[in-house]
Amino acid sequence: MDFLLVYIREAHPDSIIAIPTESGEKQLQVVSQTSTLDERLRNLRKFLSLTRMTIPSVIDDGDNSVKRAYAAWPDRLYAMGPDSKIVYKGRPGPFGFRVPELEAWLRENVK
């Protein structure tokens, strides 16, 4: 199973988010909207560094093609079959962004 995070434009630019630190305290970060691909890549790298996530990641293009094609705003979970067709489509986030639901689907359907 391969996973990929696609970083799309910010859903809530200039929001302040709290990132847990190793000491258990919260580090406050402002996440700005991006107007260039370099800025989008910088936000992605900052996110990956702060969260210590190691999942392979890419950024959406300047036309927001992935966001539009997959109705990915503000966030969404998908599973693709070996033929690249969608086999699982989660509901839009934040309330529909349910990792345990995807996990259960994967356990049931991927052998």
N, C-alpha and C. Protein backbone atom coordinates (compact mmCIF):
# COMPACT_ATOMS: atom_id res chain seq x y z
N MET A 1 0.86 -1.17 0.00
CA MET A 1 0.00 0.00 0.00
C MET A 1 0.90 1.23 0.00
N ASP A 2 0.65 2.13 -0.92
CA ASP A 2 1.37 3.39 -0.98
C ASP A 2 0.44 4.52 -0.57
N PHE A 3 0.98 5.50 0.13
CA PHE A 3 0.21 6.66 0.55
C PHE A 3 0.87 7.91 -0.01
N LEU A 4 0.06 8.92 -0.28
CA LEU A 4 0.56 10.19 -0.80
C LEU A 4 -0.28 11.32 -0.23
N LEU A 5 0.39 12.33 0.27
CA LEU A 5 -0.28 13.54 0.74
C LEU A 5 -0.14 14.58 -0.37
N VAL A 6 -1.26 15.17 -0.77
CA VAL A 6 -1.22 16.25 -1.76
C VAL A 6 -1.60 17.53 -1.03
N TYR A 7 -0.66 18.46 -0.99
CA TYR A 7 -0.88 19.73 -0.29
C TYR A 7 -1.57 20.68 -1.26
N ILE A 8 -2.81 21.08 -0.92
CA ILE A 8 -3.57 22.01 -1.76
C ILE A 8 -3.56 23.39 -1.10
N ARG A 9 -4.24 24.35 -1.71
CA ARG A 9 -4.26 25.70 -1.13
C ARG A 9 -4.87 25.67 0.27
N GLU A 10 -4.53 26.63 1.07
CA GLU A 10 -4.98 26.68 2.45
C GLU A 10 -6.49 26.89 2.55
N ALA A 11 -7.13 26.11 3.39
CA ALA A 11 -8.57 26.26 3.61
C ALA A 11 -8.86 27.47 4.50
N HIS A 12 -7.97 27.74 5.45
CA HIS A 12 -8.18 28.83 6.40
C HIS A 12 -6.88 29.63 6.54
N PRO A 13 -6.56 30.42 5.50
CA PRO A 13 -5.30 31.18 5.57
C PRO A 13 -5.27 32.12 6.76
N ASP A 14 -4.05 32.29 7.25
CA ASP A 14 -3.76 33.16 8.39
C ASP A 14 -4.36 32.65 9.69
N SER A 15 -4.75 31.38 9.70
CA SER A 15 -5.20 30.75 10.94
C SER A 15 -3.99 30.48 11.83
N ILE A 16 -4.23 30.43 13.10
CA ILE A 16 -3.18 30.06 14.04
C ILE A 16 -3.45 28.63 14.46
N ILE A 17 -2.47 27.77 14.26
CA ILE A 17 -2.62 26.37 14.66
C ILE A 17 -1.64 26.06 15.79
N ALA A 18 -2.00 25.12 16.61
CA ALA A 18 -1.16 24.70 17.73
C ALA A 18 -0.57 23.34 17.40
N ILE A 19 0.75 23.27 17.37
CA ILE A 19 1.46 22.03 17.07
C ILE A 19 2.09 21.52 18.37
N PRO A 20 1.78 20.29 18.77
CA PRO A 20 2.39 19.75 20.00
C PRO A 20 3.90 19.61 19.84
N THR A 21 4.64 19.94 20.88
CA THR A 21 6.09 19.77 20.87
C THR A 21 6.44 18.51 21.65
N GLU A 22 7.71 18.11 21.59
CA GLU A 22 8.15 16.91 22.32
C GLU A 22 7.94 17.06 23.82
N SER A 23 8.02 18.29 24.33
CA SER A 23 7.84 18.52 25.76
C SER A 23 6.38 18.50 26.18
N GLY A 24 5.46 18.39 25.19
CA GLY A 24 4.04 18.37 25.50
C GLY A 24 3.39 19.73 25.43
N GLU A 25 4.19 20.77 25.25
CA GLU A 25 3.62 22.11 25.11
C GLU A 25 3.16 22.30 23.67
N LYS A 26 2.49 23.41 23.42
CA LYS A 26 1.99 23.72 22.09
C LYS A 26 2.80 24.86 21.49
N GLN A 27 3.17 24.68 20.22
CA GLN A 27 3.87 25.73 19.49
C GLN A 27 2.85 26.34 18.53
N LEU A 28 2.62 27.65 18.62
CA LEU A 28 1.65 28.32 17.77
C LEU A 28 2.30 28.72 16.45
N GLN A 29 1.61 28.44 15.36
CA GLN A 29 2.10 28.76 14.02
C GLN A 29 0.99 29.44 13.23
N VAL A 30 1.36 30.45 12.45
CA VAL A 30 0.42 31.08 11.53
C VAL A 30 0.67 30.46 10.16
N VAL A 31 -0.40 30.00 9.53
CA VAL A 31 -0.29 29.40 8.21
C VAL A 31 -0.88 30.36 7.20
N SER A 32 -0.04 30.90 6.34
CA SER A 32 -0.48 31.89 5.37
C SER A 32 -0.93 31.24 4.08
N GLN A 33 -1.80 31.94 3.34
CA GLN A 33 -2.19 31.48 2.02
C GLN A 33 -0.99 31.62 1.10
N THR A 34 -0.95 30.82 0.08
CA THR A 34 0.17 30.85 -0.85
C THR A 34 -0.28 31.46 -2.17
N SER A 35 0.63 32.19 -2.80
CA SER A 35 0.33 32.74 -4.12
C SER A 35 1.31 32.21 -5.17
N THR A 36 2.33 31.49 -4.71
CA THR A 36 3.29 30.89 -5.65
C THR A 36 3.51 29.42 -5.25
N LEU A 37 4.03 28.65 -6.19
CA LEU A 37 4.34 27.26 -5.89
C LEU A 37 5.46 27.15 -4.86
N ASP A 38 6.41 28.07 -4.89
CA ASP A 38 7.49 28.07 -3.89
C ASP A 38 6.92 28.26 -2.48
N GLU A 39 5.95 29.16 -2.33
CA GLU A 39 5.33 29.37 -1.03
C GLU A 39 4.55 28.13 -0.59
N ARG A 40 3.87 27.51 -1.54
CA ARG A 40 3.11 26.29 -1.22
C ARG A 40 4.06 25.19 -0.76
N LEU A 41 5.18 25.06 -1.45
CA LEU A 41 6.18 24.06 -1.08
C LEU A 41 6.77 24.38 0.29
N ARG A 42 7.00 25.65 0.57
CA ARG A 42 7.52 26.05 1.88
C ARG A 42 6.52 25.69 2.99
N ASN A 43 5.23 25.95 2.77
CA ASN A 43 4.21 25.57 3.76
C ASN A 43 4.19 24.07 3.98
N LEU A 44 4.27 23.30 2.89
CA LEU A 44 4.27 21.84 3.02
C LEU A 44 5.48 21.38 3.83
N ARG A 45 6.64 21.88 3.50
CA ARG A 45 7.84 21.48 4.24
C ARG A 45 7.75 21.85 5.71
N LYS A 46 7.20 23.01 6.01
CA LYS A 46 7.02 23.44 7.40
C LYS A 46 6.06 22.49 8.12
N PHE A 47 4.96 22.16 7.47
CA PHE A 47 3.98 21.23 8.04
C PHE A 47 4.61 19.87 8.32
N LEU A 48 5.35 19.33 7.35
CA LEU A 48 5.97 18.02 7.53
C LEU A 48 7.00 18.05 8.66
N SER A 49 7.74 19.13 8.74
CA SER A 49 8.75 19.26 9.80
C SER A 49 8.09 19.36 11.18
N LEU A 50 7.07 20.19 11.29
CA LEU A 50 6.42 20.38 12.58
C LEU A 50 5.68 19.14 13.05
N THR A 51 5.09 18.40 12.13
CA THR A 51 4.32 17.22 12.51
C THR A 51 5.16 15.95 12.51
N ARG A 52 6.37 16.04 11.97
CA ARG A 52 7.28 14.90 11.85
C ARG A 52 6.67 13.77 10.99
N MET A 53 5.81 14.17 10.08
CA MET A 53 5.23 13.19 9.16
C MET A 53 6.27 12.82 8.11
N THR A 54 6.27 11.55 7.72
CA THR A 54 7.23 11.08 6.72
C THR A 54 6.55 10.54 5.47
N ILE A 55 5.26 10.76 5.34
CA ILE A 55 4.52 10.28 4.18
C ILE A 55 5.00 11.03 2.92
N PRO A 56 5.15 10.32 1.80
CA PRO A 56 5.52 11.02 0.56
C PRO A 56 4.48 12.11 0.28
N SER A 57 4.97 13.27 -0.13
CA SER A 57 4.09 14.43 -0.28
C SER A 57 4.44 15.22 -1.54
N VAL A 58 3.41 15.82 -2.11
CA VAL A 58 3.57 16.69 -3.28
C VAL A 58 2.67 17.90 -3.09
N ILE A 59 2.88 18.92 -3.92
CA ILE A 59 2.00 20.08 -3.88
C ILE A 59 1.12 20.09 -5.12
N ASP A 60 -0.08 20.61 -4.98
CA ASP A 60 -0.97 20.81 -6.11
C ASP A 60 -0.36 21.88 -7.01
N ASP A 61 -0.75 21.89 -8.27
CA ASP A 61 -0.19 22.87 -9.21
C ASP A 61 -0.83 24.24 -9.01
N GLY A 62 -0.33 25.22 -9.74
CA GLY A 62 -0.82 26.59 -9.61
C GLY A 62 -2.28 26.77 -10.00
N ASP A 63 -2.82 25.86 -10.81
CA ASP A 63 -4.22 25.93 -11.20
C ASP A 63 -5.12 25.16 -10.24
N ASN A 64 -4.54 24.58 -9.21
CA ASN A 64 -5.29 23.80 -8.20
C ASN A 64 -6.04 22.64 -8.84
N SER A 65 -5.38 21.96 -9.76
CA SER A 65 -6.01 20.86 -10.53
C SER A 65 -6.47 19.71 -9.65
N VAL A 66 -5.65 19.32 -8.67
CA VAL A 66 -6.03 18.20 -7.80
C VAL A 66 -7.20 18.60 -6.92
N LYS A 67 -7.15 19.79 -6.38
CA LYS A 67 -8.25 20.29 -5.52
C LYS A 67 -9.57 20.23 -6.28
N ARG A 68 -9.56 20.70 -7.53
CA ARG A 68 -10.79 20.71 -8.33
C ARG A 68 -11.20 19.31 -8.76
N ALA A 69 -10.27 18.52 -9.27
CA ALA A 69 -10.60 17.19 -9.80
C ALA A 69 -11.13 16.24 -8.72
N TYR A 70 -10.65 16.39 -7.49
CA TYR A 70 -11.03 15.47 -6.43
C TYR A 70 -11.90 16.11 -5.35
N ALA A 71 -12.40 17.30 -5.60
CA ALA A 71 -13.21 18.00 -4.60
C ALA A 71 -12.52 17.93 -3.25
N ALA A 72 -11.26 18.29 -3.23
CA ALA A 72 -10.40 18.06 -2.08
C ALA A 72 -10.40 19.18 -1.05
N TRP A 73 -11.12 20.25 -1.28
CA TRP A 73 -11.10 21.36 -0.35
C TRP A 73 -12.17 21.19 0.71
N PRO A 74 -11.95 21.35 1.98
CA PRO A 74 -10.67 21.74 2.56
C PRO A 74 -9.71 20.56 2.74
N ASP A 75 -10.22 19.36 2.86
CA ASP A 75 -9.37 18.16 2.89
C ASP A 75 -10.25 16.95 2.63
N ARG A 76 -9.61 15.87 2.20
CA ARG A 76 -10.39 14.69 1.84
C ARG A 76 -9.48 13.47 1.76
N LEU A 77 -10.05 12.29 2.03
CA LEU A 77 -9.31 11.03 1.94
C LEU A 77 -9.85 10.21 0.76
N TYR A 78 -8.93 9.65 -0.01
CA TYR A 78 -9.27 8.78 -1.13
C TYR A 78 -8.41 7.53 -1.08
N ALA A 79 -8.93 6.45 -1.66
CA ALA A 79 -8.12 5.26 -1.94
C ALA A 79 -8.30 4.96 -3.42
N MET A 80 -7.19 4.65 -4.06
CA MET A 80 -7.20 4.34 -5.49
C MET A 80 -6.83 2.87 -5.66
N GLY A 81 -7.50 2.22 -6.60
CA GLY A 81 -7.19 0.83 -6.91
C GLY A 81 -5.96 0.73 -7.80
N PRO A 82 -5.50 -0.48 -8.07
CA PRO A 82 -4.32 -0.68 -8.92
C PRO A 82 -4.48 -0.09 -10.32
N ASP A 83 -5.73 0.07 -10.75
CA ASP A 83 -6.00 0.65 -12.07
C ASP A 83 -6.15 2.18 -12.00
N SER A 84 -5.83 2.78 -10.85
CA SER A 84 -5.91 4.22 -10.59
C SER A 84 -7.34 4.75 -10.52
N LYS A 85 -8.31 3.88 -10.41
CA LYS A 85 -9.70 4.31 -10.24
C LYS A 85 -10.00 4.46 -8.75
N ILE A 86 -10.87 5.41 -8.43
CA ILE A 86 -11.25 5.65 -7.04
C ILE A 86 -12.06 4.48 -6.52
N VAL A 87 -11.61 3.91 -5.40
CA VAL A 87 -12.34 2.81 -4.77
C VAL A 87 -12.90 3.21 -3.40
N TYR A 88 -12.42 4.30 -2.85
CA TYR A 88 -12.94 4.84 -1.59
C TYR A 88 -12.87 6.35 -1.69
N LYS A 89 -13.97 7.01 -1.34
CA LYS A 89 -14.01 8.47 -1.34
C LYS A 89 -14.63 8.92 -0.03
N GLY A 90 -13.79 9.52 0.82
CA GLY A 90 -14.29 10.03 2.09
C GLY A 90 -15.08 11.31 1.88
N ARG A 91 -15.77 11.71 2.92
CA ARG A 91 -16.52 12.96 2.86
C ARG A 91 -15.57 14.14 3.06
N PRO A 92 -15.99 15.34 2.63
CA PRO A 92 -15.12 16.51 2.81
C PRO A 92 -14.85 16.78 4.28
N GLY A 93 -13.65 17.25 4.55
CA GLY A 93 -13.29 17.62 5.91
C GLY A 93 -13.81 18.99 6.24
N PRO A 94 -13.65 19.37 7.47
CA PRO A 94 -12.95 18.63 8.49
C PRO A 94 -13.79 17.52 9.13
N PHE A 95 -15.11 17.63 9.09
CA PHE A 95 -15.93 16.64 9.79
C PHE A 95 -15.97 15.30 9.08
N GLY A 96 -15.79 15.28 7.77
CA GLY A 96 -15.79 14.03 7.02
C GLY A 96 -14.43 13.39 6.90
N PHE A 97 -13.40 14.05 7.40
CA PHE A 97 -12.02 13.54 7.34
C PHE A 97 -11.84 12.54 8.47
N ARG A 98 -12.14 11.28 8.18
CA ARG A 98 -12.17 10.25 9.23
C ARG A 98 -11.19 9.13 8.88
N VAL A 99 -9.99 9.26 9.39
CA VAL A 99 -8.95 8.27 9.14
C VAL A 99 -9.37 6.88 9.60
N PRO A 100 -10.00 6.73 10.78
CA PRO A 100 -10.42 5.39 11.20
C PRO A 100 -11.40 4.74 10.21
N GLU A 101 -12.24 5.55 9.58
CA GLU A 101 -13.17 5.02 8.59
C GLU A 101 -12.41 4.47 7.37
N LEU A 102 -11.42 5.21 6.91
CA LEU A 102 -10.59 4.73 5.80
C LEU A 102 -9.81 3.49 6.22
N GLU A 103 -9.28 3.50 7.43
CA GLU A 103 -8.53 2.34 7.92
C GLU A 103 -9.41 1.09 7.93
N ALA A 104 -10.63 1.22 8.41
CA ALA A 104 -11.56 0.08 8.44
C ALA A 104 -11.86 -0.40 7.03
N TRP A 105 -12.05 0.54 6.10
CA TRP A 105 -12.32 0.17 4.71
C TRP A 105 -11.13 -0.59 4.13
N LEU A 106 -9.91 -0.12 4.38
CA LEU A 106 -8.72 -0.77 3.87
C LEU A 106 -8.59 -2.18 4.44
N ARG A 107 -8.81 -2.34 5.75
CA ARG A 107 -8.72 -3.67 6.37
C ARG A 107 -9.73 -4.64 5.76
N GLU A 108 -10.90 -4.14 5.46
CA GLU A 108 -11.97 -4.96 4.90
C GLU A 108 -11.74 -5.32 3.42
N ASN A 109 -11.14 -4.42 2.67
CA ASN A 109 -11.11 -4.55 1.23
C ASN A 109 -9.75 -4.84 0.60
N VAL A 110 -8.68 -4.63 1.34
CA VAL A 110 -7.34 -4.84 0.78
C VAL A 110 -6.75 -6.09 1.40
N LYS A 111 -6.45 -7.04 0.56
CA LYS A 111 -5.89 -8.31 1.04
C LYS A 111 -4.47 -8.47 0.54
